[in-house]
Amino acid sequence: MPLLSDADLWRTADIMIDSHGSNAPAVATGWAEWLEASGDEEGAATWQLIAQRCEALLNEEGTRQ
């Protein structure tokens, strides 16, 4: 179970995009990998969910005219 609510995951993804632009999914995935290597499976899962939401938001922005 993620540490954040679904709304918090989306907000975090939005902040990541504001900070890192199109690199946001890669940055979030990097955090997930680091946390997994550190043994924090729950934190890693949370950052994977954030990475997925970053991708979704970036794809949504790419389809807007």
Protein backbone atom coordinates (compact mmCIF):
# COMPACT_ATOMS: atom_id res chain seq x y z
CA MET A 1 0.00 0.00 0.00
CA PRO A 2 1.48 3.37 -0.97
CA LEU A 3 2.45 5.90 1.65
CA LEU A 4 0.43 8.63 -0.09
CA SER A 5 -3.21 8.95 -1.10
CA ASP A 6 -4.05 8.84 -4.80
CA ALA A 7 -4.58 12.61 -4.79
CA ASP A 8 -1.16 13.09 -3.17
CA LEU A 9 0.45 10.85 -5.80
CA TRP A 10 -1.02 13.00 -8.59
CA ARG A 11 0.03 16.22 -6.84
CA THR A 12 3.55 14.89 -6.38
CA ALA A 13 3.71 13.91 -10.06
CA ASP A 14 2.60 17.42 -11.01
CA ILE A 15 5.31 18.95 -8.80
CA MET A 16 7.89 16.59 -10.30
CA ILE A 17 6.93 17.74 -13.80
CA ASP A 18 7.15 21.39 -12.72
CA SER A 19 10.64 20.72 -11.34
CA HIS A 20 12.04 18.24 -13.87
CA GLY A 21 9.92 18.62 -17.00
CA SER A 22 9.97 15.62 -19.32
CA ASN A 23 12.68 14.02 -17.15
CA ALA A 24 10.24 13.67 -14.23
CA PRO A 25 9.41 9.99 -14.87
CA ALA A 26 13.11 9.09 -15.01
CA VAL A 27 13.85 11.05 -11.83
CA ALA A 28 10.96 9.36 -10.01
CA THR A 29 12.11 5.96 -11.27
CA GLY A 30 15.61 6.76 -10.02
CA TRP A 31 14.23 7.43 -6.55
CA ALA A 32 12.27 4.17 -6.72
CA GLU A 33 15.38 2.21 -7.69
CA TRP A 34 17.45 3.83 -4.96
CA LEU A 35 14.80 3.09 -2.33
CA GLU A 36 14.45 -0.50 -3.51
CA ALA A 37 18.23 -0.98 -3.32
CA SER A 38 18.07 0.45 0.21
CA GLY A 39 15.44 -2.11 1.18
CA ASP A 40 12.49 0.29 1.29
CA GLU A 41 10.00 -1.62 -0.84
CA GLU A 42 7.02 0.52 0.17
CA GLY A 43 8.85 3.74 -0.67
CA ALA A 44 10.02 2.25 -3.97
CA ALA A 45 6.47 1.24 -4.86
CA THR A 46 5.24 4.74 -4.06
CA TRP A 47 7.83 6.34 -6.35
CA GLN A 48 6.97 3.88 -9.13
CA LEU A 49 3.35 5.03 -8.85
CA ILE A 50 4.52 8.64 -9.04
CA ALA A 51 6.60 7.82 -12.13
CA GLN A 52 3.53 6.27 -13.77
CA ARG A 53 1.48 9.36 -13.02
CA CYS A 54 4.22 11.60 -14.41
CA GLU A 55 4.08 9.61 -17.65
CA ALA A 56 0.30 9.90 -17.76
CA LEU A 57 0.37 13.66 -17.19
CA LEU A 58 3.08 14.19 -19.80
CA ASN A 59 1.16 12.07 -22.32
CA GLU A 60 -1.98 14.06 -21.56
CA GLU A 61 -0.13 17.34 -22.09
CA GLY A 62 1.25 16.03 -25.38
CA THR A 63 -2.24 15.36 -26.72
CA ARG A 64 -3.63 18.79 -25.88
CA GLN A 65 -3.89 21.24 -28.73
